[in-house]
Amino acid sequence: MKEKTLIWILMAEAVVCAAAALAFPVSDNTGYLAVAPFPFALFGLLLRTLSLSGKAGNVFAVLLYICLCALPLVPVGLHAKRHTQKGEDWLLFILSAFSFYMMYMMVNPGLLSMTPSFINADYAKAAFGGTWYSILFGYIVIRLLRRSDSAATESLLKTMRLLLAFTAAVIVFGVGYIGVGDLKAKIIAVQSGNTGPNVSLGFTYAFLVFRYLASQVPAVMEIGIFLLAMTLCTHLRADRFGVGAINAANQLAAFSKTAVITIVLSTLAVNIAQIVFAGVLVSLSFTASLPVDSLIVALGAMLMTRFFAASGQLAQDNRLFI
């Protein structure tokens, strides 16, 4: 997938996520509580509805329940058939066993409230979903690390591109759905808490939007870094010592430095603006952030640029010598 195509896909994802966040009613299930149980809570509701619909529906619900929970065992069977099974495949057995337990609890949400450690059923569903994803991610990471030992450099670069694209999509989801949902909840909270006839909230609403946009600057900058990193991977696959790879690395380093400066200035702008307009705002929120992760990426990109430049020059000198 080319970077321009991915940009259009990410923009479409952002629009859809923002529309969904605005369409759905505001609840306490934001952020992790909204994402972690998906789609298990929906499947649990579906299975419960089928089970209560009658004898035939109950039989179908049981069969669907078994099929869904046994899905993690499909890769195990394929690996056994190809004689490529590894130690981490045991995580898939654990994932399947946990799925049976988790989905049973999702189908019977009344059992979730019987555990004192869970505040309510929503927290319990998020805990189960988060645990399921942690097992899955653990398997994927270990599998990728094992494959990297024997995979060719071109294959690793292709995998890196896919990971960067997936991470960008996750960030867009956070900006478009979770971020917009949180903004909507804050606007409603300000509106419900300031019902006096003499209170003007228009400027506060505008400032909440401004604060949301400023808070998403690090995410946007990270997406830009990932897209440039994907371009660098493409050039490295073609010619790791070529001019294209060196230019792509230079662009990544320059953008990374710009990203760090932009992130710092956006935080300063929000804090200073809140001080200046504190007299007309009814909602304030101050933050002091140090973009360590972006700074590390910028320094890494600059060091990588120097490495590519030196390696490319050495490769060209060797070709001329030959």
C-alpha atoms as a PDB file:
ATOM      1  CA  MET A   1       0.000   0.000   0.000  1.00  0.00           C
ATOM      2  CA  LYS A   2       1.376   3.398  -1.000  1.00  0.00           C
ATOM      3  CA  GLU A   3       1.613   6.203   1.519  1.00  0.00           C
ATOM      4  CA  LYS A   4      -0.864   8.442  -0.369  1.00  0.00           C
ATOM      5  CA  THR A   5      -3.453   5.661  -0.359  1.00  0.00           C
ATOM      6  CA  LEU A   6      -2.916   5.127   3.355  1.00  0.00           C
ATOM      7  CA  ILE A   7      -3.393   8.838   4.006  1.00  0.00           C
ATOM      8  CA  TRP A   8      -6.812   8.755   2.326  1.00  0.00           C
ATOM      9  CA  ILE A   9      -7.742   5.647   4.306  1.00  0.00           C
ATOM     10  CA  LEU A  10      -6.691   7.285   7.571  1.00  0.00           C
ATOM     11  CA  MET A  11      -8.670  10.420   6.723  1.00  0.00           C
ATOM     12  CA  ALA A  12     -11.772   8.324   5.998  1.00  0.00           C
ATOM     13  CA  GLU A  13     -11.249   6.439   9.272  1.00  0.00           C
ATOM     14  CA  ALA A  14     -11.014   9.727  11.177  1.00  0.00           C
ATOM     15  CA  VAL A  15     -14.278  10.983   9.661  1.00  0.00           C
ATOM     16  CA  VAL A  16     -16.123   7.740  10.422  1.00  0.00           C
ATOM     17  CA  CYS A  17     -14.800   7.589  13.992  1.00  0.00           C
ATOM     18  CA  ALA A  18     -15.677  11.235  14.656  1.00  0.00           C
ATOM     19  CA  ALA A  19     -19.170  10.725  13.253  1.00  0.00           C
ATOM     20  CA  ALA A  20     -19.649   7.646  15.441  1.00  0.00           C
ATOM     21  CA  ALA A  21     -18.460   9.510  18.535  1.00  0.00           C
ATOM     22  CA  LEU A  22     -20.903  12.359  17.852  1.00  0.00           C
ATOM     23  CA  ALA A  23     -23.791  10.024  17.028  1.00  0.00           C
ATOM     24  CA  PHE A  24     -23.582   7.764  20.069  1.00  0.00           C
ATOM     25  CA  PRO A  25     -24.788   9.071  23.435  1.00  0.00           C
ATOM     26  CA  VAL A  26     -22.160  10.127  25.938  1.00  0.00           C
ATOM     27  CA  SER A  27     -21.503   7.607  28.703  1.00  0.00           C
ATOM     28  CA  ASP A  28     -18.869   6.822  31.289  1.00  0.00           C
ATOM     29  CA  ASN A  29     -17.450   4.134  29.008  1.00  0.00           C
ATOM     30  CA  THR A  30     -14.759   6.194  27.314  1.00  0.00           C
ATOM     31  CA  GLY A  31     -11.209   5.325  26.414  1.00  0.00           C
ATOM     32  CA  TYR A  32     -10.104   1.921  27.643  1.00  0.00           C
ATOM     33  CA  LEU A  33     -13.553   1.019  28.974  1.00  0.00           C
ATOM     34  CA  ALA A  34     -15.027   1.506  25.507  1.00  0.00           C
ATOM     35  CA  VAL A  35     -12.306  -0.161  23.447  1.00  0.00           C
ATOM     36  CA  ALA A  36     -11.208  -3.167  25.528  1.00  0.00           C
ATOM     37  CA  PRO A  37     -14.564  -5.045  25.597  1.00  0.00           C
ATOM     38  CA  PHE A  38     -15.069  -4.689  21.833  1.00  0.00           C
ATOM     39  CA  PRO A  39     -16.314  -6.858  20.156  1.00  0.00           C
ATOM     40  CA  PHE A  40     -16.696  -9.413  22.951  1.00  0.00           C
ATOM     41  CA  ALA A  41     -19.523  -7.583  24.730  1.00  0.00           C
ATOM     42  CA  LEU A  42     -21.492  -7.436  21.463  1.00  0.00           C
ATOM     43  CA  PHE A  43     -20.936 -11.146  20.824  1.00  0.00           C
ATOM     44  CA  GLY A  44     -22.030 -11.884  24.372  1.00  0.00           C
ATOM     45  CA  LEU A  45     -25.232  -9.915  23.871  1.00  0.00           C
ATOM     46  CA  LEU A  46     -25.866 -11.713  20.565  1.00  0.00           C
ATOM     47  CA  LEU A  47     -25.316 -15.155  22.091  1.00  0.00           C
ATOM     48  CA  ARG A  48     -27.557 -14.318  25.046  1.00  0.00           C
ATOM     49  CA  THR A  49     -30.336 -13.109  22.721  1.00  0.00           C
ATOM     50  CA  LEU A  50     -30.100 -16.271  20.627  1.00  0.00           C
ATOM     51  CA  SER A  51     -30.047 -18.478  23.709  1.00  0.00           C
ATOM     52  CA  LEU A  52     -33.228 -16.915  25.087  1.00  0.00           C
ATOM     53  CA  SER A  53     -35.057 -16.989  21.752  1.00  0.00           C
ATOM     54  CA  GLY A  54     -35.999 -20.665  22.002  1.00  0.00           C
ATOM     55  CA  LYS A  55     -34.672 -24.201  21.813  1.00  0.00           C
ATOM     56  CA  ALA A  56     -33.324 -23.895  18.255  1.00  0.00           C
ATOM     57  CA  GLY A  57     -31.762 -20.530  19.050  1.00  0.00           C
ATOM     58  CA  ASN A  58     -30.117 -21.971  22.150  1.00  0.00           C
ATOM     59  CA  VAL A  59     -28.558 -24.810  20.131  1.00  0.00           C
ATOM     60  CA  PHE A  60     -27.278 -22.360  17.527  1.00  0.00           C
ATOM     61  CA  ALA A  61     -25.919 -20.099  20.281  1.00  0.00           C
ATOM     62  CA  VAL A  62     -23.962 -22.993  21.827  1.00  0.00           C
ATOM     63  CA  LEU A  63     -22.477 -23.977  18.444  1.00  0.00           C
ATOM     64  CA  LEU A  64     -21.546 -20.365  17.686  1.00  0.00           C
ATOM     65  CA  TYR A  65     -20.049 -20.016  21.167  1.00  0.00           C
ATOM     66  CA  ILE A  66     -17.825 -23.064  20.634  1.00  0.00           C
ATOM     67  CA  CYS A  67     -16.736 -21.929  17.164  1.00  0.00           C
ATOM     68  CA  LEU A  68     -15.857 -18.409  18.301  1.00  0.00           C
ATOM     69  CA  CYS A  69     -13.867 -19.562  21.314  1.00  0.00           C
ATOM     70  CA  ALA A  70     -12.020 -22.237  19.316  1.00  0.00           C
ATOM     71  CA  LEU A  71     -10.861 -19.809  16.620  1.00  0.00           C
ATOM     72  CA  PRO A  72      -7.400 -19.280  18.223  1.00  0.00           C
ATOM     73  CA  LEU A  73      -6.750 -23.019  17.746  1.00  0.00           C
ATOM     74  CA  VAL A  74      -6.956 -22.731  13.939  1.00  0.00           C
ATOM     75  CA  PRO A  75      -3.365 -21.406  13.588  1.00  0.00           C
ATOM     76  CA  VAL A  76      -2.204 -24.203  15.910  1.00  0.00           C
ATOM     77  CA  GLY A  77      -3.697 -26.791  13.550  1.00  0.00           C
ATOM     78  CA  LEU A  78      -2.099 -25.130  10.523  1.00  0.00           C
ATOM     79  CA  HIS A  79       1.297 -25.026  12.220  1.00  0.00           C
ATOM     80  CA  ALA A  80       0.995 -28.692  13.202  1.00  0.00           C
ATOM     81  CA  LYS A  81       0.095 -29.635   9.630  1.00  0.00           C
ATOM     82  CA  ARG A  82       3.125 -27.761   8.291  1.00  0.00           C
ATOM     83  CA  HIS A  83       5.381 -28.941  11.150  1.00  0.00           C
ATOM     84  CA  THR A  84       6.114 -25.298  12.044  1.00  0.00           C
ATOM     85  CA  GLN A  85       4.723 -25.276  15.587  1.00  0.00           C
ATOM     86  CA  LYS A  86       6.709 -23.298  18.142  1.00  0.00           C
ATOM     87  CA  GLY A  87       6.691 -22.812  21.888  1.00  0.00           C
ATOM     88  CA  GLU A  88       4.586 -19.665  21.705  1.00  0.00           C
ATOM     89  CA  ASP A  89       1.716 -21.694  20.222  1.00  0.00           C
ATOM     90  CA  TRP A  90       0.855 -22.606  23.800  1.00  0.00           C
ATOM     91  CA  LEU A  91      -0.351 -19.028  24.158  1.00  0.00           C
ATOM     92  CA  LEU A  92      -3.052 -19.843  21.597  1.00  0.00           C
ATOM     93  CA  PHE A  93      -4.252 -22.735  23.753  1.00  0.00           C
ATOM     94  CA  ILE A  94      -4.375 -20.354  26.712  1.00  0.00           C
ATOM     95  CA  LEU A  95      -6.173 -17.768  24.562  1.00  0.00           C
ATOM     96  CA  SER A  96      -8.806 -20.291  23.504  1.00  0.00           C
ATOM     97  CA  ALA A  97      -9.370 -21.534  27.058  1.00  0.00           C
ATOM     98  CA  PHE A  98      -9.652 -17.960  28.315  1.00  0.00           C
ATOM     99  CA  SER A  99     -12.105 -17.192  25.488  1.00  0.00           C
ATOM    100  CA  PHE A 100     -14.475 -19.915  26.712  1.00  0.00           C
ATOM    101  CA  TYR A 101     -14.437 -18.468  30.223  1.00  0.00           C
ATOM    102  CA  MET A 102     -14.631 -14.824  29.111  1.00  0.00           C
ATOM    103  CA  MET A 103     -17.498 -15.333  26.660  1.00  0.00           C
ATOM    104  CA  TYR A 104     -19.455 -17.334  29.253  1.00  0.00           C
ATOM    105  CA  MET A 105     -19.162 -14.346  31.576  1.00  0.00           C
ATOM    106  CA  MET A 106     -20.152 -11.976  28.753  1.00  0.00           C
ATOM    107  CA  VAL A 107     -23.251 -14.056  28.035  1.00  0.00           C
ATOM    108  CA  ASN A 108     -24.124 -14.018  31.742  1.00  0.00           C
ATOM    109  CA  PRO A 109     -23.245 -10.461  32.840  1.00  0.00           C
ATOM    110  CA  GLY A 110     -24.917 -10.985  36.185  1.00  0.00           C
ATOM    111  CA  LEU A 111     -21.959 -13.134  37.211  1.00  0.00           C
ATOM    112  CA  LEU A 112     -19.557 -10.229  36.660  1.00  0.00           C
ATOM    113  CA  SER A 113     -20.988  -8.230  39.556  1.00  0.00           C
ATOM    114  CA  MET A 114     -20.404 -11.143  41.932  1.00  0.00           C
ATOM    115  CA  THR A 115     -16.640 -10.415  41.956  1.00  0.00           C
ATOM    116  CA  PRO A 116     -15.965  -7.718  44.595  1.00  0.00           C
ATOM    117  CA  SER A 117     -12.835  -6.459  42.822  1.00  0.00           C
ATOM    118  CA  PHE A 118     -14.855  -5.233  39.839  1.00  0.00           C
ATOM    119  CA  ILE A 119     -16.624  -1.913  40.364  1.00  0.00           C
ATOM    120  CA  ASN A 120     -19.367  -2.825  37.920  1.00  0.00           C
ATOM    121  CA  ALA A 121     -20.029  -4.996  34.871  1.00  0.00           C
ATOM    122  CA  ASP A 122     -18.484  -2.465  32.476  1.00  0.00           C
ATOM    123  CA  TYR A 123     -15.163  -2.520  34.314  1.00  0.00           C
ATOM    124  CA  ALA A 124     -15.267  -6.307  34.414  1.00  0.00           C
ATOM    125  CA  LYS A 125     -15.873  -6.527  30.658  1.00  0.00           C
ATOM    126  CA  ALA A 126     -12.979  -4.152  30.025  1.00  0.00           C
ATOM    127  CA  ALA A 127     -10.739  -6.255  32.285  1.00  0.00           C
ATOM    128  CA  PHE A 128     -11.608  -9.447  30.430  1.00  0.00           C
ATOM    129  CA  GLY A 129     -11.218  -7.844  27.020  1.00  0.00           C
ATOM    130  CA  GLY A 130      -7.908  -6.234  27.933  1.00  0.00           C
ATOM    131  CA  THR A 131      -6.567  -9.556  29.200  1.00  0.00           C
ATOM    132  CA  TRP A 132      -7.642 -11.292  25.971  1.00  0.00           C
ATOM    133  CA  TYR A 133      -5.853  -8.691  23.861  1.00  0.00           C
ATOM    134  CA  SER A 134      -2.721  -8.889  26.035  1.00  0.00           C
ATOM    135  CA  ILE A 135      -2.470 -12.654  25.395  1.00  0.00           C
ATOM    136  CA  LEU A 136      -2.977 -12.139  21.660  1.00  0.00           C
ATOM    137  CA  PHE A 137      -0.430  -9.317  21.459  1.00  0.00           C
ATOM    138  CA  GLY A 138       2.051 -11.403  23.431  1.00  0.00           C
ATOM    139  CA  TYR A 139       1.752 -14.213  20.908  1.00  0.00           C
ATOM    140  CA  ILE A 140       2.108 -11.842  17.937  1.00  0.00           C
ATOM    141  CA  VAL A 141       5.194 -10.137  19.367  1.00  0.00           C
ATOM    142  CA  ILE A 142       6.967 -13.397  20.210  1.00  0.00           C
ATOM    143  CA  ARG A 143       6.068 -14.828  16.778  1.00  0.00           C
ATOM    144  CA  LEU A 144       7.408 -11.745  14.996  1.00  0.00           C
ATOM    145  CA  LEU A 145      10.632 -11.826  16.988  1.00  0.00           C
ATOM    146  CA  ARG A 146      11.138 -15.478  16.133  1.00  0.00           C
ATOM    147  CA  ARG A 147      10.497 -14.840  12.438  1.00  0.00           C
ATOM    148  CA  SER A 148      12.917 -11.915  12.443  1.00  0.00           C
ATOM    149  CA  ASP A 149      15.798 -14.236  13.272  1.00  0.00           C
ATOM    150  CA  SER A 150      15.568 -16.027   9.923  1.00  0.00           C
ATOM    151  CA  ALA A 151      13.667 -13.540   7.753  1.00  0.00           C
ATOM    152  CA  ALA A 152      15.378 -11.601   5.002  1.00  0.00           C
ATOM    153  CA  THR A 153      15.953  -7.878   5.426  1.00  0.00           C
ATOM    154  CA  GLU A 154      13.386  -7.079   2.730  1.00  0.00           C
ATOM    155  CA  SER A 155      10.778  -9.157   4.570  1.00  0.00           C
ATOM    156  CA  LEU A 156      11.516  -7.351   7.836  1.00  0.00           C
ATOM    157  CA  LEU A 157      11.153  -3.986   6.130  1.00  0.00           C
ATOM    158  CA  LYS A 158       7.800  -5.078   4.702  1.00  0.00           C
ATOM    159  CA  THR A 159       6.662  -6.176   8.160  1.00  0.00           C
ATOM    160  CA  MET A 160       7.823  -2.866   9.596  1.00  0.00           C
ATOM    161  CA  ARG A 161       5.724  -0.992   7.042  1.00  0.00           C
ATOM    162  CA  LEU A 162       2.645  -2.988   8.049  1.00  0.00           C
ATOM    163  CA  LEU A 163       3.258  -2.329  11.743  1.00  0.00           C
ATOM    164  CA  LEU A 164       3.691   1.392  11.116  1.00  0.00           C
ATOM    165  CA  ALA A 165       0.453   1.507   9.097  1.00  0.00           C
ATOM    166  CA  PHE A 166      -1.435  -0.411  11.807  1.00  0.00           C
ATOM    167  CA  THR A 167      -0.097   1.874  14.536  1.00  0.00           C
ATOM    168  CA  ALA A 168      -1.140   4.939  12.541  1.00  0.00           C
ATOM    169  CA  ALA A 169      -4.656   3.507  12.223  1.00  0.00           C
ATOM    170  CA  VAL A 170      -4.816   2.938  15.990  1.00  0.00           C
ATOM    171  CA  ILE A 171      -3.713   6.534  16.635  1.00  0.00           C
ATOM    172  CA  VAL A 172      -6.374   7.851  14.251  1.00  0.00           C
ATOM    173  CA  PHE A 173      -8.995   5.838  16.156  1.00  0.00           C
ATOM    174  CA  GLY A 174      -7.854   7.489  19.372  1.00  0.00           C
ATOM    175  CA  VAL A 175      -8.011  10.964  17.820  1.00  0.00           C
ATOM    176  CA  GLY A 176     -11.283  10.495  15.938  1.00  0.00           C
ATOM    177  CA  TYR A 177     -13.366   8.381  18.298  1.00  0.00           C
ATOM    178  CA  ILE A 178     -11.987   8.577  21.829  1.00  0.00           C
ATOM    179  CA  GLY A 179     -10.801  12.190  21.488  1.00  0.00           C
ATOM    180  CA  VAL A 180     -14.006  13.491  19.921  1.00  0.00           C
ATOM    181  CA  GLY A 181     -16.098  11.519  22.417  1.00  0.00           C
ATOM    182  CA  ASP A 182     -14.160  13.061  25.284  1.00  0.00           C
ATOM    183  CA  LEU A 183     -14.602  16.544  23.783  1.00  0.00           C
ATOM    184  CA  LYS A 184     -18.345  15.947  23.465  1.00  0.00           C
ATOM    185  CA  ALA A 185     -18.545  14.806  27.101  1.00  0.00           C
ATOM    186  CA  LYS A 186     -16.665  17.921  28.287  1.00  0.00           C
ATOM    187  CA  ILE A 187     -18.965  20.246  26.338  1.00  0.00           C
ATOM    188  CA  ILE A 188     -22.045  18.551  27.825  1.00  0.00           C
ATOM    189  CA  ALA A 189     -20.519  18.718  31.316  1.00  0.00           C
ATOM    190  CA  VAL A 190     -19.847  22.452  30.958  1.00  0.00           C
ATOM    191  CA  GLN A 191     -23.356  23.011  29.631  1.00  0.00           C
ATOM    192  CA  SER A 192     -25.032  21.089  32.449  1.00  0.00           C
ATOM    193  CA  GLY A 193     -22.897  22.731  35.131  1.00  0.00           C
ATOM    194  CA  ASN A 194     -23.491  26.306  34.009  1.00  0.00           C
ATOM    195  CA  THR A 195     -27.223  26.843  33.498  1.00  0.00           C
ATOM    196  CA  GLY A 196     -27.402  30.438  34.700  1.00  0.00           C
ATOM    197  CA  PRO A 197     -28.990  32.924  32.275  1.00  0.00           C
ATOM    198  CA  ASN A 198     -26.077  35.346  32.593  1.00  0.00           C
ATOM    199  CA  VAL A 199     -23.375  32.772  31.841  1.00  0.00           C
ATOM    200  CA  SER A 200     -21.978  32.914  28.292  1.00  0.00           C
ATOM    201  CA  LEU A 201     -20.477  29.594  27.204  1.00  0.00           C
ATOM    202  CA  GLY A 202     -19.731  30.257  23.544  1.00  0.00           C
ATOM    203  CA  PHE A 203     -16.103  31.220  24.132  1.00  0.00           C
ATOM    204  CA  THR A 204     -15.606  28.261  26.465  1.00  0.00           C
ATOM    205  CA  TYR A 205     -16.964  25.867  23.838  1.00  0.00           C
ATOM    206  CA  ALA A 206     -14.608  27.318  21.236  1.00  0.00           C
ATOM    207  CA  PHE A 207     -11.701  27.020  23.638  1.00  0.00           C
ATOM    208  CA  LEU A 208     -12.550  23.383  24.403  1.00  0.00           C
ATOM    209  CA  VAL A 209     -12.327  22.657  20.682  1.00  0.00           C
ATOM    210  CA  PHE A 210      -9.029  24.545  20.501  1.00  0.00           C
ATOM    211  CA  ARG A 211      -7.690  22.595  23.461  1.00  0.00           C
ATOM    212  CA  TYR A 212      -8.759  19.323  21.849  1.00  0.00           C
ATOM    213  CA  LEU A 213      -6.990  20.197  18.592  1.00  0.00           C
ATOM    214  CA  ALA A 214      -3.833  21.189  20.461  1.00  0.00           C
ATOM    215  CA  SER A 215      -3.894  17.978  22.510  1.00  0.00           C
ATOM    216  CA  GLN A 216      -3.979  15.935  19.299  1.00  0.00           C
ATOM    217  CA  VAL A 217      -0.865  17.590  17.837  1.00  0.00           C
ATOM    218  CA  PRO A 218       1.477  14.850  19.193  1.00  0.00           C
ATOM    219  CA  ALA A 219      -0.715  12.157  17.591  1.00  0.00           C
ATOM    220  CA  VAL A 220      -0.740  13.946  14.224  1.00  0.00           C
ATOM    221  CA  MET A 221       3.021  14.415  14.361  1.00  0.00           C
ATOM    222  CA  GLU A 222       3.521  10.743  15.176  1.00  0.00           C
ATOM    223  CA  ILE A 223       1.401   9.748  12.183  1.00  0.00           C
ATOM    224  CA  GLY A 224       3.578  11.961   9.985  1.00  0.00           C
ATOM    225  CA  ILE A 225       6.710  10.299  11.380  1.00  0.00           C
ATOM    226  CA  PHE A 226       5.259   6.843  10.705  1.00  0.00           C
ATOM    227  CA  LEU A 227       4.367   7.743   7.111  1.00  0.00           C
ATOM    228  CA  LEU A 228       7.877   9.046   6.441  1.00  0.00           C
ATOM    229  CA  ALA A 229       9.308   5.935   8.096  1.00  0.00           C
ATOM    230  CA  MET A 230       7.226   3.809   5.717  1.00  0.00           C
ATOM    231  CA  THR A 231       8.694   5.749   2.789  1.00  0.00           C
ATOM    232  CA  LEU A 232      12.156   5.098   4.177  1.00  0.00           C
ATOM    233  CA  CYS A 233      11.410   1.369   4.405  1.00  0.00           C
ATOM    234  CA  THR A 234      10.319   1.387   0.763  1.00  0.00           C
ATOM    235  CA  HIS A 235      13.592   2.972  -0.359  1.00  0.00           C
ATOM    236  CA  LEU A 236      15.610   0.623   1.838  1.00  0.00           C
ATOM    237  CA  ARG A 237      13.962  -2.370   0.170  1.00  0.00           C
ATOM    238  CA  ALA A 238      14.909  -0.986  -3.251  1.00  0.00           C
ATOM    239  CA  ASP A 239      18.468   0.067  -2.417  1.00  0.00           C
ATOM    240  CA  ARG A 240      19.555   0.444   1.183  1.00  0.00           C
ATOM    241  CA  PHE A 241      22.611   2.490   0.146  1.00  0.00           C
ATOM    242  CA  GLY A 242      20.888   4.530  -2.561  1.00  0.00           C
ATOM    243  CA  VAL A 243      20.203   8.232  -2.783  1.00  0.00           C
ATOM    244  CA  GLY A 244      16.486   7.643  -2.194  1.00  0.00           C
ATOM    245  CA  ALA A 245      17.107   6.038   1.195  1.00  0.00           C
ATOM    246  CA  ILE A 246      19.435   8.856   2.229  1.00  0.00           C
ATOM    247  CA  ASN A 247      16.939  11.542   1.176  1.00  0.00           C
ATOM    248  CA  ALA A 248      14.086   9.737   2.945  1.00  0.00           C
ATOM    249  CA  ALA A 249      16.150   9.512   6.126  1.00  0.00           C
ATOM    250  CA  ASN A 250      16.943  13.237   5.886  1.00  0.00           C
ATOM    251  CA  GLN A 251      13.237  14.038   5.531  1.00  0.00           C
ATOM    252  CA  LEU A 252      12.411  11.842   8.519  1.00  0.00           C
ATOM    253  CA  ALA A 253      15.061  13.524  10.667  1.00  0.00           C
ATOM    254  CA  ALA A 254      13.940  17.040   9.680  1.00  0.00           C
ATOM    255  CA  PHE A 255      10.271  16.266  10.308  1.00  0.00           C
ATOM    256  CA  SER A 256      11.057  14.634  13.654  1.00  0.00           C
ATOM    257  CA  LYS A 257      12.798  17.797  14.861  1.00  0.00           C
ATOM    258  CA  THR A 258       9.866  19.880  13.652  1.00  0.00           C
ATOM    259  CA  ALA A 259       7.476  17.514  15.437  1.00  0.00           C
ATOM    260  CA  VAL A 260       9.212  17.946  18.796  1.00  0.00           C
ATOM    261  CA  ILE A 261       9.187  21.741  18.489  1.00  0.00           C
ATOM    262  CA  THR A 262       5.534  21.780  17.404  1.00  0.00           C
ATOM    263  CA  ILE A 263       4.445  19.563  20.298  1.00  0.00           C
ATOM    264  CA  VAL A 264       6.218  21.760  22.851  1.00  0.00           C
ATOM    265  CA  LEU A 265       4.818  24.982  21.366  1.00  0.00           C
ATOM    266  CA  SER A 266       1.256  23.618  21.216  1.00  0.00           C
ATOM    267  CA  THR A 267       1.323  22.868  24.948  1.00  0.00           C
ATOM    268  CA  LEU A 268       2.727  26.326  25.681  1.00  0.00           C
ATOM    269  CA  ALA A 269       0.067  27.967  23.506  1.00  0.00           C
ATOM    270  CA  VAL A 270      -2.794  26.264  25.348  1.00  0.00           C
ATOM    271  CA  ASN A 271      -1.444  27.076  28.802  1.00  0.00           C
ATOM    272  CA  ILE A 272      -0.679  30.729  27.982  1.00  0.00           C
ATOM    273  CA  ALA A 273      -4.044  31.208  26.271  1.00  0.00           C
ATOM    274  CA  GLN A 274      -5.854  29.858  29.337  1.00  0.00           C
ATOM    275  CA  ILE A 275      -3.999  32.341  31.557  1.00  0.00           C
ATOM    276  CA  VAL A 276      -4.846  35.237  29.228  1.00  0.00           C
ATOM    277  CA  PHE A 277      -8.540  34.347  28.871  1.00  0.00           C
ATOM    278  CA  ALA A 278      -9.090  32.907  32.344  1.00  0.00           C
ATOM    279  CA  GLY A 279     -11.607  35.648  33.126  1.00  0.00           C
ATOM    280  CA  VAL A 280     -14.078  34.507  30.462  1.00  0.00           C
ATOM    281  CA  LEU A 281     -13.553  30.734  30.629  1.00  0.00           C
ATOM    282  CA  VAL A 282     -15.506  28.414  32.922  1.00  0.00           C
ATOM    283  CA  SER A 283     -13.297  25.367  32.318  1.00  0.00           C
ATOM    284  CA  LEU A 284      -9.504  25.265  32.629  1.00  0.00           C
ATOM    285  CA  SER A 285      -7.006  22.414  32.293  1.00  0.00           C
ATOM    286  CA  PHE A 286      -3.247  22.930  32.496  1.00  0.00           C
ATOM    287  CA  THR A 287      -0.625  20.386  31.420  1.00  0.00           C
ATOM    288  CA  ALA A 288       3.170  20.321  31.423  1.00  0.00           C
ATOM    289  CA  SER A 289       4.472  17.663  29.050  1.00  0.00           C
ATOM    290  CA  LEU A 290       7.958  16.675  27.930  1.00  0.00           C
ATOM    291  CA  PRO A 291       7.775  14.810  24.580  1.00  0.00           C
ATOM    292  CA  VAL A 292      10.465  12.279  25.452  1.00  0.00           C
ATOM    293  CA  ASP A 293       9.231   9.677  22.975  1.00  0.00           C
ATOM    294  CA  SER A 294       9.185  12.170  20.089  1.00  0.00           C
ATOM    295  CA  LEU A 295      12.605  13.444  21.129  1.00  0.00           C
ATOM    296  CA  ILE A 296      14.001   9.902  21.089  1.00  0.00           C
ATOM    297  CA  VAL A 297      12.523   9.327  17.639  1.00  0.00           C
ATOM    298  CA  ALA A 298      14.051  12.588  16.385  1.00  0.00           C
ATOM    299  CA  LEU A 299      17.509  11.753  17.739  1.00  0.00           C
ATOM    300  CA  GLY A 300      17.255   8.208  16.391  1.00  0.00           C
ATOM    301  CA  ALA A 301      16.247   9.520  12.962  1.00  0.00           C
ATOM    302  CA  MET A 302      19.175  11.945  12.922  1.00  0.00           C
ATOM    303  CA  LEU A 303      21.641   9.221  13.900  1.00  0.00           C
ATOM    304  CA  MET A 304      20.134   6.908  11.292  1.00  0.00           C
ATOM    305  CA  THR A 305      20.484   9.635   8.675  1.00  0.00           C
ATOM    306  CA  ARG A 306      24.185   9.975   9.403  1.00  0.00           C
ATOM    307  CA  PHE A 307      24.589   6.213   9.191  1.00  0.00           C
ATOM    308  CA  PHE A 308      22.837   5.997   5.824  1.00  0.00           C
ATOM    309  CA  ALA A 309      24.769   8.961   4.479  1.00  0.00           C
ATOM    310  CA  ALA A 310      28.104   7.473   5.513  1.00  0.00           C
ATOM    311  CA  SER A 311      27.179   3.986   4.312  1.00  0.00           C
ATOM    312  CA  GLY A 312      25.858   5.318   1.005  1.00  0.00           C
ATOM    313  CA  GLN A 313      29.014   7.313   0.368  1.00  0.00           C
ATOM    314  CA  LEU A 314      31.154   4.283   1.236  1.00  0.00           C
ATOM    315  CA  ALA A 315      29.107   2.067  -1.092  1.00  0.00           C
ATOM    316  CA  GLN A 316      29.476   4.574  -3.932  1.00  0.00           C
ATOM    317  CA  ASP A 317      33.230   4.835  -3.350  1.00  0.00           C
ATOM    318  CA  ASN A 318      33.528   1.050  -3.474  1.00  0.00           C
ATOM    319  CA  ARG A 319      31.589   0.899  -6.725  1.00  0.00           C
ATOM    320  CA  LEU A 320      33.851   3.524  -8.254  1.00  0.00           C
ATOM    321  CA  PHE A 321      36.907   1.667  -7.032  1.00  0.00           C
ATOM    322  CA  ILE A 322      35.713  -1.610  -8.564  1.00  0.00           C
END
